[in-house]
Amino acid sequence: MSVVVTSPSVPTIAPDLVAAFKSAPTSIISDNLDRLPGVIGLRPFHRSGRMAGAALTVRTRAGDNLAVHHALELVKPGDVIVVDGGGDVTRALVGEIMKDIAERRGAAGFVIDGAIRDVAAFCASDFPCFARGVIHRGPYKTGPGIINVPVSIGGSVISPGDIVVGDEDGVVSFSPAMAETLIAAVRAQVAREDDTLKAIREGRYKSAYATHATEDSRTS
């Protein structure tokens, strides 16, 4: 069996723009993506740390990581290796050795719609890894697989070159074409929420319900 690598035209993303999303909460990014379904069912397995980078996508058959190994030969600094393993958790697609290779080559993290193993190594590391589950069973290495195509990860379609962001709440992704508008909206919402939290601490906060009730009494 073989691994096919396609070569779509992947947009170049300004490093400072990607870096801006590393400090942006995924919950607020999601709010400003109209709360459309994002990645569902994956969770972080690393010790700490946020993730932001460009998607290097991999689609492979359940339980087979030949294409993931091939992707490790192609990964560039700042890439997030996004693996569509069909959600299968009967065999692990990556483990400690592959984590160390990806980290040494400058990858920004793993997003695995499948299982990992050597979970203790991930939990002791700040290298971001989001996966569906954990199992001791190792993978096949016979293929087939394909790299740099749109993939479905937990119900969300991620295309090569999309910006992928992960934190304690999960993973979101979006096209680089909307990044500048999105980060402006995210920063504005963060500022509003900071003002709300300050009002709560200072005893000035009025809930949306209380404000609505006051307006109703004025018009009744």
N, C-alpha and C. Protein backbone atom coordinates (compact mmCIF):
# COMPACT_ATOMS: atom_id res chain seq x y z
N MET A 1 0.85 -1.19 0.00
CA MET A 1 0.00 0.00 0.00
C MET A 1 0.89 1.25 0.00
N SER A 2 0.35 2.38 -0.44
CA SER A 2 1.18 3.57 -0.58
C SER A 2 0.58 4.75 0.17
N VAL A 3 1.41 5.77 0.30
CA VAL A 3 0.97 7.05 0.84
C VAL A 3 1.04 8.07 -0.29
N VAL A 4 -0.05 8.77 -0.51
CA VAL A 4 -0.12 9.78 -1.56
C VAL A 4 0.00 11.16 -0.91
N VAL A 5 0.89 11.99 -1.45
CA VAL A 5 1.03 13.36 -0.98
C VAL A 5 0.54 14.29 -2.07
N THR A 6 -0.50 15.03 -1.79
CA THR A 6 -0.96 16.03 -2.75
C THR A 6 -0.28 17.35 -2.45
N SER A 7 -0.31 18.26 -3.39
CA SER A 7 0.38 19.55 -3.21
C SER A 7 -0.53 20.72 -3.55
N PRO A 8 -1.54 20.95 -2.72
CA PRO A 8 -2.39 22.11 -2.97
C PRO A 8 -1.65 23.40 -2.69
N SER A 9 -2.17 24.50 -3.19
CA SER A 9 -1.59 25.81 -2.90
C SER A 9 -2.02 26.24 -1.51
N VAL A 10 -1.12 26.13 -0.56
CA VAL A 10 -1.42 26.45 0.83
C VAL A 10 -1.04 27.90 1.11
N PRO A 11 -1.96 28.71 1.62
CA PRO A 11 -1.65 30.12 1.87
C PRO A 11 -0.52 30.27 2.89
N THR A 12 0.29 31.28 2.68
CA THR A 12 1.32 31.62 3.66
C THR A 12 0.70 32.47 4.75
N ILE A 13 0.93 32.09 5.99
CA ILE A 13 0.33 32.78 7.13
C ILE A 13 1.41 33.56 7.86
N ALA A 14 1.16 34.83 8.12
CA ALA A 14 2.13 35.65 8.84
C ALA A 14 2.34 35.07 10.24
N PRO A 15 3.58 34.82 10.64
CA PRO A 15 3.84 34.21 11.95
C PRO A 15 3.25 34.99 13.11
N ASP A 16 3.25 36.34 13.02
CA ASP A 16 2.71 37.12 14.13
C ASP A 16 1.20 36.96 14.25
N LEU A 17 0.54 36.69 13.12
CA LEU A 17 -0.91 36.48 13.16
C LEU A 17 -1.23 35.15 13.83
N VAL A 18 -0.48 34.11 13.48
CA VAL A 18 -0.67 32.82 14.14
C VAL A 18 -0.38 32.95 15.63
N ALA A 19 0.68 33.66 15.98
CA ALA A 19 1.04 33.83 17.38
C ALA A 19 -0.05 34.53 18.17
N ALA A 20 -0.77 35.45 17.53
CA ALA A 20 -1.86 36.16 18.21
C ALA A 20 -2.96 35.19 18.64
N PHE A 21 -3.19 34.16 17.86
CA PHE A 21 -4.24 33.20 18.22
C PHE A 21 -3.80 32.25 19.32
N LYS A 22 -2.51 32.15 19.56
CA LYS A 22 -2.04 31.25 20.60
C LYS A 22 -2.52 31.70 21.98
N SER A 23 -2.77 33.00 22.13
CA SER A 23 -3.28 33.50 23.41
C SER A 23 -4.78 33.74 23.39
N ALA A 24 -5.45 33.37 22.29
CA ALA A 24 -6.89 33.59 22.17
C ALA A 24 -7.64 32.35 22.65
N PRO A 25 -8.58 32.48 23.59
CA PRO A 25 -9.34 31.31 24.06
C PRO A 25 -10.15 30.68 22.93
N THR A 26 -10.13 29.35 22.87
CA THR A 26 -10.91 28.69 21.83
C THR A 26 -12.40 28.95 21.99
N SER A 27 -12.86 29.14 23.21
CA SER A 27 -14.29 29.41 23.43
C SER A 27 -14.70 30.71 22.76
N ILE A 28 -13.85 31.73 22.83
CA ILE A 28 -14.19 33.02 22.23
C ILE A 28 -14.00 32.97 20.72
N ILE A 29 -13.00 32.23 20.25
CA ILE A 29 -12.88 32.04 18.80
C ILE A 29 -14.15 31.37 18.28
N SER A 30 -14.60 30.33 18.99
CA SER A 30 -15.82 29.62 18.59
C SER A 30 -17.03 30.54 18.55
N ASP A 31 -17.16 31.40 19.56
CA ASP A 31 -18.27 32.36 19.58
C ASP A 31 -18.29 33.20 18.32
N ASN A 32 -17.11 33.59 17.87
CA ASN A 32 -17.02 34.48 16.71
C ASN A 32 -16.96 33.73 15.38
N LEU A 33 -17.10 32.42 15.45
CA LEU A 33 -17.33 31.60 14.25
C LEU A 33 -18.79 31.19 14.20
N ASP A 34 -19.66 32.01 14.80
CA ASP A 34 -21.10 31.77 14.85
C ASP A 34 -21.46 30.50 15.61
N ARG A 35 -20.53 30.04 16.46
CA ARG A 35 -20.74 28.85 17.29
C ARG A 35 -21.13 27.64 16.45
N LEU A 36 -20.61 27.61 15.23
CA LEU A 36 -20.83 26.45 14.37
C LEU A 36 -20.07 25.25 14.95
N PRO A 37 -20.51 24.03 14.60
CA PRO A 37 -19.83 22.86 15.16
C PRO A 37 -18.33 22.88 14.86
N GLY A 38 -17.53 22.70 15.89
CA GLY A 38 -16.09 22.58 15.73
C GLY A 38 -15.69 21.15 16.02
N VAL A 39 -14.45 20.95 16.40
CA VAL A 39 -13.96 19.61 16.72
C VAL A 39 -14.63 19.12 18.00
N ILE A 40 -15.25 17.96 17.93
CA ILE A 40 -15.99 17.40 19.07
C ILE A 40 -15.36 16.07 19.47
N GLY A 41 -15.18 15.87 20.77
CA GLY A 41 -14.78 14.57 21.28
C GLY A 41 -13.30 14.37 21.50
N LEU A 42 -12.47 15.36 21.14
CA LEU A 42 -11.03 15.26 21.40
C LEU A 42 -10.72 16.03 22.68
N ARG A 43 -9.67 15.59 23.38
CA ARG A 43 -9.27 16.29 24.59
C ARG A 43 -7.75 16.38 24.67
N PRO A 44 -7.25 17.34 25.44
CA PRO A 44 -5.80 17.48 25.56
C PRO A 44 -5.20 16.40 26.44
N PHE A 45 -4.03 15.91 26.04
CA PHE A 45 -3.30 14.92 26.83
C PHE A 45 -1.97 15.44 27.33
N HIS A 46 -1.58 16.65 26.92
CA HIS A 46 -0.29 17.19 27.36
C HIS A 46 -0.44 17.88 28.71
N ARG A 47 0.68 18.20 29.32
CA ARG A 47 0.68 18.79 30.66
C ARG A 47 0.07 20.17 30.67
N SER A 48 0.51 21.01 29.75
CA SER A 48 -0.01 22.37 29.67
C SER A 48 0.43 22.96 28.34
N GLY A 49 -0.08 24.14 28.03
CA GLY A 49 0.36 24.83 26.83
C GLY A 49 -0.71 24.92 25.78
N ARG A 50 -0.75 26.08 25.11
CA ARG A 50 -1.71 26.32 24.04
C ARG A 50 -1.06 26.02 22.70
N MET A 51 -1.90 25.78 21.71
CA MET A 51 -1.41 25.40 20.40
C MET A 51 -2.01 26.33 19.34
N ALA A 52 -1.19 26.75 18.39
CA ALA A 52 -1.66 27.48 17.21
C ALA A 52 -0.69 27.22 16.08
N GLY A 53 -1.20 26.88 14.91
CA GLY A 53 -0.34 26.63 13.77
C GLY A 53 -1.15 26.31 12.54
N ALA A 54 -0.44 26.01 11.46
CA ALA A 54 -1.07 25.69 10.18
C ALA A 54 -1.23 24.19 10.03
N ALA A 55 -2.38 23.76 9.52
CA ALA A 55 -2.69 22.34 9.44
C ALA A 55 -1.89 21.63 8.35
N LEU A 56 -1.18 20.58 8.75
CA LEU A 56 -0.63 19.58 7.83
C LEU A 56 -1.54 18.37 8.01
N THR A 57 -2.39 18.11 7.03
CA THR A 57 -3.45 17.12 7.21
C THR A 57 -3.05 15.74 6.71
N VAL A 58 -3.56 14.73 7.42
CA VAL A 58 -3.29 13.33 7.09
C VAL A 58 -4.61 12.57 7.20
N ARG A 59 -4.90 11.76 6.18
CA ARG A 59 -6.03 10.83 6.26
C ARG A 59 -5.49 9.42 6.13
N THR A 60 -5.86 8.56 7.06
CA THR A 60 -5.34 7.20 7.05
C THR A 60 -6.43 6.20 7.40
N ARG A 61 -6.21 4.96 7.06
CA ARG A 61 -7.20 3.95 7.46
C ARG A 61 -7.10 3.73 8.96
N ALA A 62 -8.17 3.24 9.55
CA ALA A 62 -8.22 3.05 11.00
C ALA A 62 -7.05 2.18 11.47
N GLY A 63 -6.35 2.69 12.50
CA GLY A 63 -5.30 1.90 13.12
C GLY A 63 -3.99 1.81 12.37
N ASP A 64 -3.80 2.60 11.31
CA ASP A 64 -2.59 2.53 10.50
C ASP A 64 -1.90 3.90 10.50
N ASN A 65 -0.61 3.93 10.84
CA ASN A 65 0.07 5.23 10.94
C ASN A 65 1.20 5.42 9.94
N LEU A 66 1.21 4.64 8.85
CA LEU A 66 2.25 4.83 7.84
C LEU A 66 2.25 6.26 7.31
N ALA A 67 1.07 6.80 7.03
CA ALA A 67 0.98 8.16 6.49
C ALA A 67 1.41 9.20 7.52
N VAL A 68 1.21 8.92 8.80
CA VAL A 68 1.65 9.85 9.84
C VAL A 68 3.17 9.90 9.88
N HIS A 69 3.82 8.75 9.74
CA HIS A 69 5.28 8.73 9.67
C HIS A 69 5.77 9.54 8.46
N HIS A 70 5.08 9.42 7.35
CA HIS A 70 5.45 10.18 6.15
C HIS A 70 5.28 11.67 6.42
N ALA A 71 4.21 12.05 7.10
CA ALA A 71 3.98 13.46 7.42
C ALA A 71 5.10 14.04 8.29
N LEU A 72 5.66 13.22 9.16
CA LEU A 72 6.77 13.68 10.00
C LEU A 72 8.00 14.03 9.18
N GLU A 73 8.10 13.45 7.98
CA GLU A 73 9.20 13.81 7.09
C GLU A 73 8.94 15.11 6.34
N LEU A 74 7.70 15.55 6.33
CA LEU A 74 7.31 16.76 5.60
C LEU A 74 7.05 17.95 6.51
N VAL A 75 6.89 17.70 7.80
CA VAL A 75 6.45 18.76 8.72
C VAL A 75 7.43 19.92 8.75
N LYS A 76 6.87 21.13 8.80
CA LYS A 76 7.66 22.35 8.91
C LYS A 76 7.43 22.97 10.27
N PRO A 77 8.37 23.78 10.75
CA PRO A 77 8.14 24.46 12.03
C PRO A 77 6.83 25.25 12.00
N GLY A 78 6.04 25.06 13.02
CA GLY A 78 4.76 25.77 13.12
C GLY A 78 3.58 24.99 12.59
N ASP A 79 3.81 23.82 11.98
CA ASP A 79 2.70 23.00 11.48
C ASP A 79 2.04 22.24 12.63
N VAL A 80 0.72 22.11 12.54
CA VAL A 80 -0.02 21.20 13.40
C VAL A 80 -0.34 19.95 12.57
N ILE A 81 0.09 18.80 13.03
CA ILE A 81 -0.18 17.56 12.31
C ILE A 81 -1.58 17.08 12.69
N VAL A 82 -2.48 17.14 11.72
CA VAL A 82 -3.91 16.85 11.94
C VAL A 82 -4.22 15.52 11.27
N VAL A 83 -4.59 14.52 12.06
CA VAL A 83 -4.74 13.15 11.56
C VAL A 83 -6.19 12.70 11.65
N ASP A 84 -6.76 12.39 10.49
CA ASP A 84 -8.09 11.80 10.41
C ASP A 84 -7.94 10.29 10.43
N GLY A 85 -8.10 9.71 11.62
CA GLY A 85 -8.04 8.26 11.78
C GLY A 85 -9.41 7.64 11.89
N GLY A 86 -10.42 8.41 11.46
CA GLY A 86 -11.78 7.89 11.47
C GLY A 86 -12.38 7.74 12.86
N GLY A 87 -11.73 8.33 13.86
CA GLY A 87 -12.24 8.21 15.22
C GLY A 87 -11.99 6.86 15.87
N ASP A 88 -11.25 5.99 15.20
CA ASP A 88 -10.99 4.65 15.73
C ASP A 88 -10.03 4.72 16.91
N VAL A 89 -10.35 4.02 18.00
CA VAL A 89 -9.48 4.03 19.18
C VAL A 89 -9.03 2.61 19.54
N THR A 90 -9.05 1.68 18.57
CA THR A 90 -8.62 0.32 18.85
C THR A 90 -7.12 0.13 18.71
N ARG A 91 -6.44 1.07 18.03
CA ARG A 91 -4.98 1.04 17.91
C ARG A 91 -4.45 2.47 17.95
N ALA A 92 -3.32 2.65 18.61
CA ALA A 92 -2.73 3.98 18.73
C ALA A 92 -2.04 4.39 17.44
N LEU A 93 -2.22 5.65 17.06
CA LEU A 93 -1.60 6.17 15.84
C LEU A 93 -0.28 6.88 16.12
N VAL A 94 -0.09 7.41 17.31
CA VAL A 94 1.19 8.04 17.68
C VAL A 94 1.53 7.67 19.11
N GLY A 95 2.84 7.73 19.40
CA GLY A 95 3.32 7.47 20.75
C GLY A 95 4.50 8.38 21.06
N GLU A 96 5.25 8.02 22.09
CA GLU A 96 6.31 8.90 22.58
C GLU A 96 7.38 9.18 21.52
N ILE A 97 7.79 8.18 20.77
CA ILE A 97 8.85 8.39 19.77
C ILE A 97 8.39 9.39 18.71
N MET A 98 7.18 9.22 18.22
CA MET A 98 6.67 10.14 17.19
C MET A 98 6.47 11.54 17.77
N LYS A 99 6.06 11.61 19.02
CA LYS A 99 5.95 12.92 19.68
C LYS A 99 7.30 13.62 19.70
N ASP A 100 8.35 12.88 20.08
CA ASP A 100 9.67 13.49 20.17
C ASP A 100 10.18 13.93 18.80
N ILE A 101 9.88 13.15 17.76
CA ILE A 101 10.28 13.55 16.41
C ILE A 101 9.58 14.84 16.01
N ALA A 102 8.27 14.89 16.21
CA ALA A 102 7.49 16.08 15.84
C ALA A 102 7.97 17.31 16.60
N GLU A 103 8.23 17.13 17.88
CA GLU A 103 8.68 18.25 18.71
C GLU A 103 10.05 18.74 18.25
N ARG A 104 10.97 17.81 17.99
CA ARG A 104 12.32 18.18 17.55
C ARG A 104 12.28 18.91 16.21
N ARG A 105 11.33 18.59 15.35
CA ARG A 105 11.25 19.21 14.03
C ARG A 105 10.42 20.49 14.02
N GLY A 106 9.98 20.92 15.19
CA GLY A 106 9.34 22.23 15.29
C GLY A 106 7.85 22.24 15.07
N ALA A 107 7.21 21.07 15.05
CA ALA A 107 5.76 21.04 14.89
C ALA A 107 5.10 21.77 16.06
N ALA A 108 3.91 22.32 15.79
CA ALA A 108 3.19 23.05 16.83
C ALA A 108 2.31 22.14 17.67
N GLY A 109 2.08 20.90 17.21
CA GLY A 109 1.27 19.98 17.99
C GLY A 109 0.63 18.91 17.13
N PHE A 110 -0.09 18.01 17.82
CA PHE A 110 -0.86 16.93 17.18
C PHE A 110 -2.34 17.15 17.43
N VAL A 111 -3.16 16.88 16.41
CA VAL A 111 -4.60 16.73 16.57
C VAL A 111 -4.94 15.38 15.96
N ILE A 112 -5.34 14.42 16.78
CA ILE A 112 -5.49 13.03 16.34
C ILE A 112 -6.93 12.58 16.55
N ASP A 113 -7.67 12.36 15.46
CA ASP A 113 -9.00 11.76 15.60
C ASP A 113 -8.81 10.25 15.61
N GLY A 114 -8.31 9.80 16.73
CA GLY A 114 -7.95 8.41 16.95
C GLY A 114 -7.27 8.33 18.31
N ALA A 115 -6.51 7.28 18.53
CA ALA A 115 -5.90 7.05 19.84
C ALA A 115 -4.40 7.31 19.82
N ILE A 116 -3.86 7.54 21.02
CA ILE A 116 -2.42 7.63 21.23
C ILE A 116 -2.03 6.59 22.28
N ARG A 117 -0.72 6.39 22.45
CA ARG A 117 -0.25 5.57 23.57
C ARG A 117 0.99 6.24 24.16
N ASP A 118 1.60 5.60 25.17
CA ASP A 118 2.69 6.24 25.93
C ASP A 118 2.17 7.54 26.53
N VAL A 119 0.97 7.47 27.07
CA VAL A 119 0.29 8.69 27.50
C VAL A 119 1.04 9.40 28.62
N ALA A 120 1.80 8.65 29.43
CA ALA A 120 2.55 9.29 30.51
C ALA A 120 3.56 10.29 29.96
N ALA A 121 4.16 9.97 28.80
CA ALA A 121 5.13 10.89 28.18
C ALA A 121 4.44 12.16 27.71
N PHE A 122 3.24 12.03 27.17
CA PHE A 122 2.50 13.22 26.75
C PHE A 122 2.09 14.06 27.96
N CYS A 123 1.62 13.40 29.01
CA CYS A 123 1.15 14.12 30.19
C CYS A 123 2.28 14.84 30.91
N ALA A 124 3.52 14.40 30.70
CA ALA A 124 4.68 15.05 31.33
C ALA A 124 5.28 16.12 30.43
N SER A 125 4.68 16.34 29.25
CA SER A 125 5.25 17.24 28.25
C SER A 125 4.34 18.43 27.99
N ASP A 126 4.93 19.53 27.53
CA ASP A 126 4.16 20.71 27.12
C ASP A 126 3.94 20.73 25.61
N PHE A 127 4.29 19.65 24.93
CA PHE A 127 4.04 19.57 23.49
C PHE A 127 2.56 19.24 23.29
N PRO A 128 1.81 20.13 22.63
CA PRO A 128 0.36 19.95 22.55
C PRO A 128 -0.04 18.68 21.80
N CYS A 129 -0.96 17.94 22.41
CA CYS A 129 -1.53 16.76 21.76
C CYS A 129 -2.99 16.64 22.16
N PHE A 130 -3.86 16.68 21.15
CA PHE A 130 -5.30 16.49 21.35
C PHE A 130 -5.68 15.21 20.64
N ALA A 131 -6.35 14.30 21.33
CA ALA A 131 -6.69 13.00 20.74
C ALA A 131 -8.03 12.53 21.29
N ARG A 132 -8.54 11.46 20.67
CA ARG A 132 -9.84 10.94 21.07
C ARG A 132 -9.73 9.95 22.22
N GLY A 133 -8.61 9.24 22.31
CA GLY A 133 -8.49 8.25 23.37
C GLY A 133 -7.10 7.71 23.51
N VAL A 134 -6.94 6.73 24.38
CA VAL A 134 -5.65 6.11 24.69
C VAL A 134 -5.81 4.60 24.65
N ILE A 135 -4.82 3.92 24.09
CA ILE A 135 -4.81 2.46 24.12
C ILE A 135 -3.36 1.98 23.98
N HIS A 136 -3.08 0.82 24.56
CA HIS A 136 -1.72 0.27 24.51
C HIS A 136 -1.40 -0.37 23.17
N ARG A 137 -2.40 -0.78 22.40
CA ARG A 137 -2.17 -1.53 21.17
C ARG A 137 -1.52 -0.67 20.10
N GLY A 138 -0.50 -1.22 19.46
CA GLY A 138 0.23 -0.49 18.43
C GLY A 138 -0.47 -0.52 17.09
N PRO A 139 0.01 0.32 16.15
CA PRO A 139 -0.63 0.46 14.84
C PRO A 139 -0.09 -0.50 13.79
N TYR A 140 -0.85 -0.59 12.70
CA TYR A 140 -0.33 -1.17 11.47
C TYR A 140 0.53 -0.12 10.77
N LYS A 141 1.34 -0.55 9.85
CA LYS A 141 2.18 0.37 9.07
C LYS A 141 2.19 -0.06 7.60
N THR A 142 1.03 -0.29 7.06
CA THR A 142 0.95 -0.77 5.69
C THR A 142 0.19 0.19 4.77
N GLY A 143 -0.42 1.25 5.30
CA GLY A 143 -1.19 2.17 4.49
C GLY A 143 -2.58 1.61 4.21
N PRO A 144 -3.31 2.24 3.29
CA PRO A 144 -2.91 3.44 2.54
C PRO A 144 -3.11 4.71 3.37
N GLY A 145 -2.73 5.83 2.79
CA GLY A 145 -2.94 7.12 3.42
C GLY A 145 -2.75 8.23 2.41
N ILE A 146 -3.19 9.41 2.78
CA ILE A 146 -3.06 10.57 1.89
C ILE A 146 -2.80 11.81 2.74
N ILE A 147 -1.95 12.68 2.22
CA ILE A 147 -1.51 13.87 2.96
C ILE A 147 -1.88 15.12 2.17
N ASN A 148 -2.27 16.16 2.91
CA ASN A 148 -2.63 17.46 2.34
C ASN A 148 -3.94 17.41 1.53
N VAL A 149 -4.96 16.87 2.19
CA VAL A 149 -6.33 16.91 1.66
C VAL A 149 -7.24 17.35 2.80
N PRO A 150 -8.43 17.87 2.50
CA PRO A 150 -9.38 18.16 3.58
C PRO A 150 -9.71 16.89 4.36
N VAL A 151 -9.78 17.03 5.69
CA VAL A 151 -10.07 15.89 6.55
C VAL A 151 -11.22 16.24 7.49
N SER A 152 -11.87 15.21 7.99
CA SER A 152 -12.96 15.40 8.96
C SER A 152 -12.44 14.97 10.32
N ILE A 153 -12.42 15.93 11.24
CA ILE A 153 -11.90 15.69 12.58
C ILE A 153 -13.00 16.01 13.60
N GLY A 154 -13.57 14.99 14.19
CA GLY A 154 -14.60 15.21 15.19
C GLY A 154 -15.75 16.05 14.67
N GLY A 155 -16.15 15.83 13.43
CA GLY A 155 -17.27 16.56 12.85
C GLY A 155 -16.92 17.88 12.22
N SER A 156 -15.66 18.24 12.23
CA SER A 156 -15.21 19.52 11.66
C SER A 156 -14.28 19.25 10.48
N VAL A 157 -14.53 19.92 9.36
CA VAL A 157 -13.65 19.78 8.19
C VAL A 157 -12.47 20.73 8.33
N ILE A 158 -11.26 20.19 8.25
CA ILE A 158 -10.04 20.99 8.33
C ILE A 158 -9.28 20.80 7.03
N SER A 159 -8.95 21.91 6.38
CA SER A 159 -8.24 21.87 5.11
C SER A 159 -6.76 22.15 5.31
N PRO A 160 -5.91 21.69 4.39
CA PRO A 160 -4.47 22.00 4.50
C PRO A 160 -4.26 23.51 4.58
N GLY A 161 -3.44 23.94 5.53
CA GLY A 161 -3.14 25.35 5.68
C GLY A 161 -4.11 26.11 6.57
N ASP A 162 -5.22 25.50 6.99
CA ASP A 162 -6.10 26.17 7.94
C ASP A 162 -5.34 26.46 9.23
N ILE A 163 -5.74 27.50 9.92
CA ILE A 163 -5.18 27.78 11.24
C ILE A 163 -5.92 26.90 12.25
N VAL A 164 -5.16 26.19 13.07
CA VAL A 164 -5.71 25.29 14.08
C VAL A 164 -5.26 25.79 15.45
N VAL A 165 -6.22 25.97 16.36
CA VAL A 165 -5.93 26.50 17.68
C VAL A 165 -6.47 25.53 18.73
N GLY A 166 -5.68 25.26 19.76
CA GLY A 166 -6.12 24.36 20.81
C GLY A 166 -5.75 24.87 22.19
N ASP A 167 -6.63 24.65 23.14
CA ASP A 167 -6.34 24.96 24.55
C ASP A 167 -7.10 23.97 25.42
N GLU A 168 -7.25 24.29 26.71
CA GLU A 168 -7.87 23.36 27.64
C GLU A 168 -9.32 23.02 27.26
N ASP A 169 -9.97 23.90 26.51
CA ASP A 169 -11.37 23.68 26.14
C ASP A 169 -11.54 22.86 24.87
N GLY A 170 -10.48 22.69 24.09
CA GLY A 170 -10.60 21.91 22.87
C GLY A 170 -9.89 22.53 21.69
N VAL A 171 -10.39 22.23 20.48
CA VAL A 171 -9.73 22.61 19.23
C VAL A 171 -10.72 23.28 18.29
N VAL A 172 -10.29 24.38 17.66
CA VAL A 172 -11.06 25.05 16.62
C VAL A 172 -10.14 25.28 15.42
N SER A 173 -10.75 25.47 14.25
CA SER A 173 -9.96 25.75 13.06
C SER A 173 -10.73 26.68 12.15
N PHE A 174 -9.98 27.35 11.25
CA PHE A 174 -10.62 28.30 10.34
C PHE A 174 -9.63 28.64 9.24
N SER A 175 -10.18 29.21 8.15
CA SER A 175 -9.35 29.58 7.01
C SER A 175 -8.49 30.79 7.34
N PRO A 176 -7.24 30.83 6.85
CA PRO A 176 -6.40 32.01 7.06
C PRO A 176 -7.00 33.28 6.47
N ALA A 177 -7.88 33.13 5.47
CA ALA A 177 -8.48 34.30 4.83
C ALA A 177 -9.31 35.14 5.80
N MET A 178 -9.81 34.51 6.86
CA MET A 178 -10.65 35.24 7.80
C MET A 178 -9.90 35.59 9.09
N ALA A 179 -8.60 35.30 9.14
CA ALA A 179 -7.86 35.40 10.39
C ALA A 179 -7.81 36.83 10.93
N GLU A 180 -7.53 37.82 10.09
CA GLU A 180 -7.39 39.18 10.58
C GLU A 180 -8.70 39.72 11.13
N THR A 181 -9.80 39.46 10.42
CA THR A 181 -11.11 39.90 10.91
C THR A 181 -11.47 39.17 12.19
N LEU A 182 -11.18 37.88 12.24
CA LEU A 182 -11.52 37.08 13.40
C LEU A 182 -10.74 37.50 14.64
N ILE A 183 -9.44 37.74 14.51
CA ILE A 183 -8.66 38.11 15.69
C ILE A 183 -9.11 39.45 16.25
N ALA A 184 -9.54 40.37 15.37
CA ALA A 184 -10.06 41.65 15.85
C ALA A 184 -11.34 41.44 16.66
N ALA A 185 -12.23 40.57 16.17
CA ALA A 185 -13.47 40.29 16.88
C ALA A 185 -13.19 39.58 18.21
N VAL A 186 -12.24 38.68 18.20
CA VAL A 186 -11.88 37.96 19.43
C VAL A 186 -11.33 38.93 20.47
N ARG A 187 -10.46 39.83 20.06
CA ARG A 187 -9.88 40.79 21.01
C ARG A 187 -10.96 41.69 21.58
N ALA A 188 -11.91 42.09 20.75
CA ALA A 188 -13.00 42.95 21.23
C ALA A 188 -13.84 42.21 22.26
N GLN A 189 -14.13 40.93 22.03
CA GLN A 189 -14.92 40.18 22.99
C GLN A 189 -14.15 39.94 24.28
N VAL A 190 -12.86 39.67 24.17
CA VAL A 190 -12.04 39.51 25.38
C VAL A 190 -12.09 40.77 26.22
N ALA A 191 -12.00 41.94 25.58
CA ALA A 191 -12.06 43.21 26.30
C ALA A 191 -13.40 43.38 26.99
N ARG A 192 -14.51 43.03 26.30
CA ARG A 192 -15.84 43.14 26.91
C ARG A 192 -15.97 42.22 28.12
N GLU A 193 -15.46 41.00 27.97
CA GLU A 193 -15.57 40.05 29.08
C GLU A 193 -14.70 40.46 30.25
N ASP A 194 -13.54 41.05 29.97
CA ASP A 194 -12.70 41.58 31.05
C ASP A 194 -13.43 42.68 31.81
N ASP A 195 -14.14 43.55 31.08
CA ASP A 195 -14.92 44.60 31.72
C ASP A 195 -16.03 44.00 32.59
N THR A 196 -16.67 42.94 32.10
CA THR A 196 -17.72 42.28 32.88
C THR A 196 -17.17 41.68 34.16
N LEU A 197 -16.02 41.01 34.06
CA LEU A 197 -15.41 40.41 35.25
C LEU A 197 -15.01 41.48 36.26
N LYS A 198 -14.53 42.61 35.75
CA LYS A 198 -14.18 43.72 36.65
C LYS A 198 -15.42 44.25 37.35
N ALA A 199 -16.52 44.37 36.61
CA ALA A 199 -17.77 44.85 37.21
C ALA A 199 -18.26 43.89 38.28
N ILE A 200 -18.10 42.59 38.07
CA ILE A 200 -18.50 41.61 39.08
C ILE A 200 -17.67 41.79 40.35
N ARG A 201 -16.37 41.95 40.19
CA ARG A 201 -15.49 42.12 41.36
C ARG A 201 -15.82 43.40 42.12
N GLU A 202 -16.24 44.41 41.40
CA GLU A 202 -16.52 45.71 42.03
C GLU A 202 -17.98 45.88 42.45
N GLY A 203 -18.78 44.85 42.26
CA GLY A 203 -20.18 44.91 42.66
C GLY A 203 -21.06 45.75 41.76
N ARG A 204 -20.64 46.02 40.54
CA ARG A 204 -21.41 46.86 39.62
C ARG A 204 -22.17 46.06 38.58
N TYR A 205 -22.01 44.74 38.58
CA TYR A 205 -22.55 43.92 37.49
C TYR A 205 -24.07 43.81 37.55
N LYS A 206 -24.70 43.99 36.40
CA LYS A 206 -26.13 43.73 36.25
C LYS A 206 -26.29 42.68 35.16
N SER A 207 -27.01 41.63 35.47
CA SER A 207 -27.17 40.56 34.51
C SER A 207 -28.02 40.98 33.34
N ALA A 208 -27.92 40.25 32.25
CA ALA A 208 -28.75 40.53 31.09
C ALA A 208 -30.22 40.43 31.46
N TYR A 209 -30.57 39.49 32.35
CA TYR A 209 -31.95 39.34 32.78
C TYR A 209 -32.43 40.57 33.52
N ALA A 210 -31.58 41.09 34.45
CA ALA A 210 -31.97 42.27 35.22
C ALA A 210 -32.12 43.48 34.32
N THR A 211 -31.22 43.64 33.37
CA THR A 211 -31.31 44.77 32.44
C THR A 211 -32.58 44.68 31.61
N HIS A 212 -32.92 43.49 31.15
CA HIS A 212 -34.12 43.29 30.34
C HIS A 212 -35.36 43.58 31.16
N ALA A 213 -35.37 43.11 32.43
CA ALA A 213 -36.53 43.34 33.30
C ALA A 213 -36.74 44.83 33.55
N THR A 214 -35.64 45.59 33.73
CA THR A 214 -35.74 47.03 33.97
C THR A 214 -36.33 47.73 32.75
N GLU A 215 -35.86 47.32 31.57
CA GLU A 215 -36.37 47.94 30.34
C GLU A 215 -37.85 47.63 30.15
N ASP A 216 -38.29 46.40 30.51
CA ASP A 216 -39.70 46.04 30.40
C ASP A 216 -40.57 46.88 31.31
N SER A 217 -40.06 47.14 32.54
CA SER A 217 -40.87 47.93 33.49
C SER A 217 -41.03 49.36 33.03
N ARG A 218 -40.05 49.88 32.27
CA ARG A 218 -40.14 51.26 31.78
C ARG A 218 -41.14 51.38 30.66
N THR A 219 -41.38 50.28 29.94
CA THR A 219 -42.26 50.36 28.78
C THR A 219 -43.65 49.79 29.05
N SER A 220 -43.86 49.27 30.26
CA SER A 220 -45.16 48.65 30.57
C SER A 220 -46.16 49.69 31.06
